[in-house]
Amino acid sequence: MARTGTTRQERLEPTPTVGTSTFVTGNFPRRRGLIVLLASIAGFLLTVVWSAHFVDSVIGDNVANTLLGHDAKETPIQGIAAGIAFAFVSGIAGTFTACNIAAFGAVAPMLGSTQTRWAKLAATLKPIGWLSVGMIPVSALYGVLVGIIGTRMPQFSTAANAPGTLSSRSIQSLIVFGVIGLVMVYLGLAALGLVRDPFRKISQRFPNAPMVFMGVLIGGFLIGRPFGLFRQMFRDAAESGNPLYGAAAFTLQSVGNIIIMALLFLALAYFTGGRLQRWLSAKPSRIATVTAVALIVAGVFTFMYWDIRLLARREIIPWYPTAPWA
């Protein structure tokens, strides 16, 4: 006699659906609420332990000083060629700043299941290329804007932040990174099938649209970035009054940001011998889980660090937990 009932596991397992985009595979894991909770806690804890001084100064400044061969902050930028070099190097140095860490939310879709190492290399370079398609126009357009009116923009200001108030550049960072963080959280929830996939229609015609959009977010980091070396480049481009220089410098800043990220992804794809890809493909829901966790952790971190923790640092809200070294 045929069995008509269902097991408890079958009732708990979400019904697989057809994937609608790169980020939404349709193979959703069990216990999605627990995944969201744990990823959110991880993003919050990252804001508690994150040390901007260590990442910006100890890592960022030392990397820039080494690559440029002089003190990046103390040496004036002399000429367009020096400014272009400074932009690219400061982009590399800023790879692990608090804003750019969100770019790592794109890692899971880049890990394909191809077998040969050269195929893995090509499969990894392709989405990085689509990231650049979204990132470069945003960076270039913002650079043009800086070259034209940059001296009147909030990021040009050097005014100190007074306790209990927000400077115009802090408000700009709060808005930009707050929006980016919430968008990444939504994309993480969509990867788990908890909300509608925003790319479900456009991906039917343009399957790489999600990666292009992720590139737009990475380019958008420039609009809110307070990283010291970036602001030095910003002021130089603004004072030049040259929109072409601004476009080139800001584009290279963003390219520098993803160089290390691209190398890390290439190393994962090329040197793991297929073990990571086989582990992900052994259970289809694992890619959805990894994608969602990466996006939610990055999104929660970005929103809480740049909005809630920022308000505490400016003494607008009474307290936010931080590690002693942070």
Protein backbone atom coordinates (compact mmCIF):
# COMPACT_ATOMS: atom_id res chain seq x y z
CA MET A 1 0.00 0.00 0.00
CA ALA A 2 1.42 3.39 -0.97
CA ARG A 3 2.54 5.69 1.80
CA THR A 4 0.44 8.85 1.92
CA GLY A 5 1.93 10.57 4.96
CA THR A 6 5.06 12.70 5.21
CA THR A 7 7.98 12.51 7.56
CA ARG A 8 8.86 15.28 9.98
CA GLN A 9 12.00 16.09 7.96
CA GLU A 10 9.99 16.44 4.77
CA ARG A 11 7.61 18.84 6.50
CA LEU A 12 10.51 20.97 7.76
CA GLU A 13 12.42 21.08 4.46
CA PRO A 14 11.33 24.08 2.32
CA THR A 15 9.98 23.02 -1.06
CA PRO A 16 12.69 23.60 -3.71
CA THR A 17 11.81 26.12 -6.38
CA VAL A 18 13.43 27.21 -9.60
CA GLY A 19 16.32 29.62 -9.07
CA THR A 20 15.44 33.16 -10.03
CA SER A 21 18.91 34.81 -10.05
CA THR A 22 22.56 34.36 -9.13
CA PHE A 23 21.85 35.01 -5.46
CA VAL A 24 18.60 33.02 -5.26
CA THR A 25 19.20 29.40 -6.29
CA GLY A 26 15.82 28.09 -5.17
CA ASN A 27 17.42 25.38 -3.01
CA PHE A 28 16.65 26.77 0.43
CA PRO A 29 18.05 25.28 3.65
CA ARG A 30 16.15 24.19 6.74
CA ARG A 31 16.08 26.34 9.88
CA ARG A 32 16.28 29.57 7.92
CA GLY A 33 15.26 31.61 10.96
CA LEU A 34 18.22 30.23 12.92
CA ILE A 35 20.57 31.05 10.04
CA VAL A 36 19.33 34.66 9.99
CA LEU A 37 19.69 34.95 13.77
CA LEU A 38 23.23 33.54 13.90
CA ALA A 39 24.39 35.60 10.90
CA SER A 40 22.94 38.77 12.46
CA ILE A 41 24.69 38.05 15.76
CA ALA A 42 27.97 37.50 13.87
CA GLY A 43 27.56 40.85 12.08
CA PHE A 44 26.86 42.60 15.37
CA LEU A 45 29.86 40.98 17.11
CA LEU A 46 32.07 42.09 14.24
CA THR A 47 31.10 45.70 14.97
CA VAL A 48 32.06 45.17 18.61
CA VAL A 49 35.59 43.89 17.89
CA TRP A 50 36.33 45.95 14.76
CA SER A 51 39.20 48.40 15.25
CA ALA A 52 39.15 51.19 12.68
CA HIS A 53 42.57 52.41 13.90
CA PHE A 54 44.19 49.03 13.35
CA VAL A 55 42.66 48.46 9.92
CA ASP A 56 43.00 52.03 8.63
CA SER A 57 46.34 53.00 10.18
CA VAL A 58 48.30 49.88 11.07
CA ILE A 59 47.33 47.95 7.94
CA GLY A 60 46.15 50.60 5.46
CA ASP A 61 48.81 53.25 6.06
CA ASN A 62 51.68 50.75 6.22
CA VAL A 63 50.60 49.05 2.99
CA ALA A 64 50.37 52.41 1.23
CA ASN A 65 53.70 53.60 2.63
CA THR A 66 55.42 50.40 1.49
CA LEU A 67 53.97 50.44 -2.03
CA LEU A 68 54.57 54.18 -2.57
CA GLY A 69 57.99 54.22 -0.92
CA HIS A 70 57.21 57.25 1.26
CA ASP A 71 54.81 58.41 3.96
CA ALA A 72 51.49 58.48 2.14
CA LYS A 73 49.79 60.88 4.57
CA GLU A 74 52.65 63.32 5.04
CA THR A 75 53.85 63.57 1.42
CA PRO A 76 51.80 65.93 -0.78
CA ILE A 77 50.44 64.50 -4.03
CA GLN A 78 52.45 66.17 -6.79
CA GLY A 79 50.81 66.05 -10.19
CA ILE A 80 48.26 63.88 -11.95
CA ALA A 81 50.58 60.87 -12.42
CA ALA A 82 51.37 60.80 -8.70
CA GLY A 83 47.67 61.19 -7.93
CA ILE A 84 46.75 58.24 -10.16
CA ALA A 85 49.37 56.05 -8.46
CA PHE A 86 48.19 57.22 -5.04
CA ALA A 87 44.57 56.41 -5.92
CA PHE A 88 45.36 52.83 -6.94
CA VAL A 89 47.66 52.16 -3.99
CA SER A 90 45.26 53.65 -1.45
CA GLY A 91 42.51 51.49 -2.95
CA ILE A 92 44.61 48.37 -2.30
CA ALA A 93 45.47 49.63 1.19
CA GLY A 94 41.78 50.17 1.91
CA THR A 95 40.68 46.66 0.96
CA PHE A 96 39.91 45.67 4.54
CA THR A 97 38.43 48.93 5.79
CA ALA A 98 35.04 48.74 7.46
CA CYS A 99 33.14 49.76 4.34
CA ASN A 100 34.85 47.51 1.83
CA ILE A 101 34.42 44.39 3.98
CA ALA A 102 30.84 44.29 2.66
CA ALA A 103 32.11 43.36 -0.80
CA PHE A 104 32.95 39.89 0.48
CA GLY A 105 29.22 39.13 0.56
CA ALA A 106 29.56 38.22 -3.13
CA VAL A 107 31.91 35.29 -2.47
CA ALA A 108 29.52 32.31 -2.70
CA PRO A 109 28.11 32.91 -6.20
CA MET A 110 31.69 33.15 -7.49
CA LEU A 111 32.56 29.62 -6.38
CA GLY A 112 31.55 27.53 -9.33
CA SER A 113 31.50 23.76 -9.73
CA THR A 114 33.74 23.46 -12.79
CA GLN A 115 36.36 20.73 -12.67
CA THR A 116 39.57 21.90 -14.36
CA ARG A 117 41.71 24.57 -12.76
CA TRP A 118 41.66 26.77 -15.85
CA ALA A 119 37.88 26.46 -16.00
CA LYS A 120 37.70 27.48 -12.34
CA LEU A 121 39.95 30.44 -13.10
CA ALA A 122 37.69 31.58 -15.95
CA ALA A 123 34.54 30.96 -13.91
CA THR A 124 35.90 33.18 -11.12
CA LEU A 125 37.15 35.97 -13.38
CA LYS A 126 33.80 36.28 -15.15
CA PRO A 127 31.74 37.46 -12.14
CA ILE A 128 34.60 39.75 -11.08
CA GLY A 129 34.35 41.29 -14.55
CA TRP A 130 30.60 41.82 -14.08
CA LEU A 131 31.31 43.41 -10.69
CA SER A 132 33.54 45.87 -12.51
CA VAL A 133 30.78 46.65 -15.02
CA GLY A 134 28.67 48.01 -12.17
CA MET A 135 31.50 49.49 -10.12
CA ILE A 136 33.47 51.48 -12.70
CA PRO A 137 30.66 53.76 -14.02
CA VAL A 138 29.60 54.70 -10.47
CA SER A 139 33.20 55.42 -9.44
CA ALA A 140 33.92 57.40 -12.61
CA LEU A 141 30.74 59.48 -12.38
CA TYR A 142 31.42 60.31 -8.75
CA GLY A 143 34.99 61.25 -9.69
CA VAL A 144 33.68 63.61 -12.37
CA LEU A 145 31.36 65.20 -9.81
CA VAL A 146 34.26 65.64 -7.37
CA GLY A 147 36.40 67.21 -10.10
CA ILE A 148 33.66 69.74 -10.82
CA ILE A 149 32.19 70.69 -7.41
CA GLY A 150 34.25 68.67 -4.90
CA THR A 151 35.41 71.61 -2.78
CA ARG A 152 31.78 72.26 -1.82
CA MET A 153 30.98 68.64 -0.92
CA PRO A 154 30.80 67.31 2.68
CA GLN A 155 33.78 64.97 2.23
CA PHE A 156 36.03 67.94 1.47
CA SER A 157 35.55 69.37 4.95
CA THR A 158 38.28 68.94 7.57
CA ALA A 159 36.18 70.27 10.46
CA ALA A 160 36.45 68.22 13.65
CA ASN A 161 33.40 66.31 14.85
CA ALA A 162 31.98 67.94 17.96
CA PRO A 163 30.53 65.62 20.67
CA GLY A 164 26.77 65.37 20.47
CA THR A 165 26.61 66.45 16.83
CA LEU A 166 27.07 64.96 13.39
CA SER A 167 29.20 66.71 10.78
CA SER A 168 27.93 66.83 7.21
CA ARG A 169 30.45 64.19 6.14
CA SER A 170 29.35 61.89 9.00
CA ILE A 171 25.73 62.28 7.92
CA GLN A 172 26.77 61.38 4.38
CA SER A 173 28.53 58.22 5.61
CA LEU A 174 25.58 57.31 7.84
CA ILE A 175 23.08 57.56 4.99
CA VAL A 176 25.19 55.84 2.32
CA PHE A 177 26.36 52.89 4.39
CA GLY A 178 23.03 52.55 6.16
CA VAL A 179 21.30 52.08 2.79
CA ILE A 180 24.01 49.71 1.51
CA GLY A 181 23.81 47.64 4.71
CA LEU A 182 20.02 47.29 4.58
CA VAL A 183 20.15 46.37 0.88
CA MET A 184 22.65 43.60 1.59
CA VAL A 185 20.52 42.26 4.44
CA TYR A 186 17.53 42.14 2.09
CA LEU A 187 19.57 40.27 -0.53
CA GLY A 188 20.62 37.79 2.15
CA LEU A 189 17.00 37.20 3.13
CA ALA A 190 16.12 36.77 -0.55
CA ALA A 191 18.87 34.15 -0.90
CA LEU A 192 17.02 32.16 1.79
CA GLY A 193 13.65 32.60 0.09
CA LEU A 194 12.26 34.68 2.97
CA VAL A 195 11.54 37.74 0.79
CA ARG A 196 11.01 38.18 -2.94
CA ASP A 197 14.05 38.18 -5.19
CA PRO A 198 14.44 41.76 -6.53
CA PHE A 199 16.23 40.39 -9.62
CA ARG A 200 13.67 37.71 -10.51
CA LYS A 201 12.44 39.54 -13.64
CA ILE A 202 15.56 41.29 -14.92
CA SER A 203 17.66 38.13 -14.49
CA GLN A 204 15.54 36.38 -17.10
CA ARG A 205 17.03 38.68 -19.74
CA PHE A 206 20.24 39.72 -17.99
CA PRO A 207 21.47 36.85 -15.77
CA ASN A 208 24.50 38.84 -14.60
CA ALA A 209 22.40 41.72 -13.27
CA PRO A 210 22.92 40.74 -9.57
CA MET A 211 26.72 40.88 -9.93
CA VAL A 212 26.50 44.21 -11.77
CA PHE A 213 24.34 45.54 -8.93
CA MET A 214 26.89 44.31 -6.38
CA GLY A 215 29.49 46.28 -8.32
CA VAL A 216 27.27 49.37 -8.03
CA LEU A 217 27.26 48.91 -4.24
CA ILE A 218 31.07 48.62 -4.18
CA GLY A 219 31.35 51.78 -6.27
CA GLY A 220 28.93 53.45 -3.86
CA PHE A 221 31.38 52.93 -1.00
CA LEU A 222 33.32 55.92 -2.36
CA ILE A 223 30.36 58.20 -1.71
CA GLY A 224 30.45 57.57 2.03
CA ARG A 225 34.04 56.54 2.66
CA PRO A 226 35.82 58.42 5.49
CA PHE A 227 39.09 56.40 5.16
CA GLY A 228 41.94 58.86 5.72
CA LEU A 229 43.90 58.06 2.56
CA PHE A 230 40.74 58.22 0.48
CA ARG A 231 39.88 61.67 1.83
CA GLN A 232 43.41 62.80 0.97
CA MET A 233 42.84 61.66 -2.61
CA PHE A 234 39.35 63.21 -2.59
CA ARG A 235 40.71 66.64 -1.62
CA ASP A 236 43.44 66.45 -4.26
CA ALA A 237 40.91 65.60 -7.00
CA ALA A 238 38.52 68.30 -5.78
CA GLU A 239 41.23 70.97 -5.71
CA SER A 240 42.42 70.03 -9.20
CA GLY A 241 39.07 70.99 -10.73
CA ASN A 242 39.75 68.35 -13.39
CA PRO A 243 36.80 65.96 -13.89
CA LEU A 244 38.85 63.56 -16.04
CA TYR A 245 41.46 63.25 -13.33
CA GLY A 246 38.70 62.73 -10.79
CA ALA A 247 37.13 59.98 -12.91
CA ALA A 248 40.46 58.17 -13.42
CA ALA A 249 41.50 58.45 -9.77
CA PHE A 250 38.19 57.27 -8.35
CA THR A 251 37.97 54.40 -10.83
CA LEU A 252 41.46 53.18 -9.89
CA GLN A 253 40.59 53.57 -6.20
CA SER A 254 37.70 51.11 -6.66
CA VAL A 255 39.76 48.76 -8.84
CA GLY A 256 42.42 48.73 -6.13
CA ASN A 257 39.72 47.84 -3.60
CA ILE A 258 38.79 44.61 -5.37
CA ILE A 259 42.30 43.48 -6.38
CA ILE A 260 42.93 41.64 -3.11
CA MET A 261 39.37 40.32 -3.07
CA ALA A 262 39.81 38.98 -6.60
CA LEU A 263 43.11 37.31 -5.70
CA LEU A 264 41.51 35.65 -2.66
CA PHE A 265 38.65 34.30 -4.75
CA LEU A 266 41.05 33.10 -7.43
CA ALA A 267 43.12 31.31 -4.79
CA LEU A 268 39.99 29.62 -3.45
CA ALA A 269 38.90 28.53 -6.91
CA TYR A 270 42.35 27.48 -8.18
CA PHE A 271 44.12 25.90 -5.21
CA THR A 272 41.40 24.06 -3.31
CA GLY A 273 41.59 21.20 -5.79
CA GLY A 274 37.82 21.21 -6.17
CA ARG A 275 37.18 20.23 -2.56
CA LEU A 276 35.29 23.40 -1.72
CA GLN A 277 33.25 23.20 -4.93
CA ARG A 278 32.41 19.55 -4.32
CA TRP A 279 31.35 20.33 -0.75
CA LEU A 280 29.03 23.10 -1.97
CA SER A 281 27.52 21.03 -4.76
CA ALA A 282 27.02 17.93 -2.56
CA LYS A 283 24.04 19.66 -0.97
CA PRO A 284 22.45 22.34 -3.17
CA SER A 285 21.17 24.36 -0.21
CA ARG A 286 24.75 25.01 0.96
CA ILE A 287 25.37 27.68 -1.69
CA ALA A 288 22.19 29.48 -0.61
CA THR A 289 23.28 29.25 3.03
CA VAL A 290 26.81 30.56 2.38
CA THR A 291 25.49 33.36 0.16
CA ALA A 292 22.86 34.40 2.69
CA VAL A 293 25.23 34.28 5.66
CA ALA A 294 27.86 36.35 3.83
CA LEU A 295 25.34 38.99 2.78
CA ILE A 296 23.57 39.20 6.14
CA VAL A 297 26.80 39.36 8.16
CA ALA A 298 28.16 42.07 5.86
CA GLY A 299 24.86 43.97 5.80
CA VAL A 300 24.28 43.90 9.57
CA PHE A 301 27.90 44.88 10.16
CA THR A 302 27.73 47.78 7.69
CA PHE A 303 24.45 49.16 9.04
CA MET A 304 25.25 48.79 12.75
CA TYR A 305 28.85 50.00 12.45
CA TRP A 306 28.13 53.08 10.35
CA ASP A 307 24.77 54.02 11.85
CA ILE A 308 24.39 52.81 15.43
CA ARG A 309 28.02 52.61 16.54
CA LEU A 310 28.74 55.93 14.80
CA LEU A 311 25.98 57.62 16.81
CA ALA A 312 27.51 56.27 20.02
CA ARG A 313 31.00 57.50 19.06
CA ARG A 314 29.54 60.97 18.48
CA GLU A 315 27.83 60.73 21.92
CA ILE A 316 24.37 61.05 20.38
CA ILE A 317 23.24 57.76 21.90
CA PRO A 318 24.56 56.84 25.35
CA TRP A 319 26.42 53.58 24.72
CA TYR A 320 27.44 50.88 22.28
CA PRO A 321 29.50 47.82 23.27
CA THR A 322 33.06 47.83 21.92
CA ALA A 323 36.11 45.71 22.64
CA PRO A 324 38.96 47.40 24.58
CA TRP A 325 41.17 47.51 21.48
CA ALA A 326 38.41 48.95 19.29
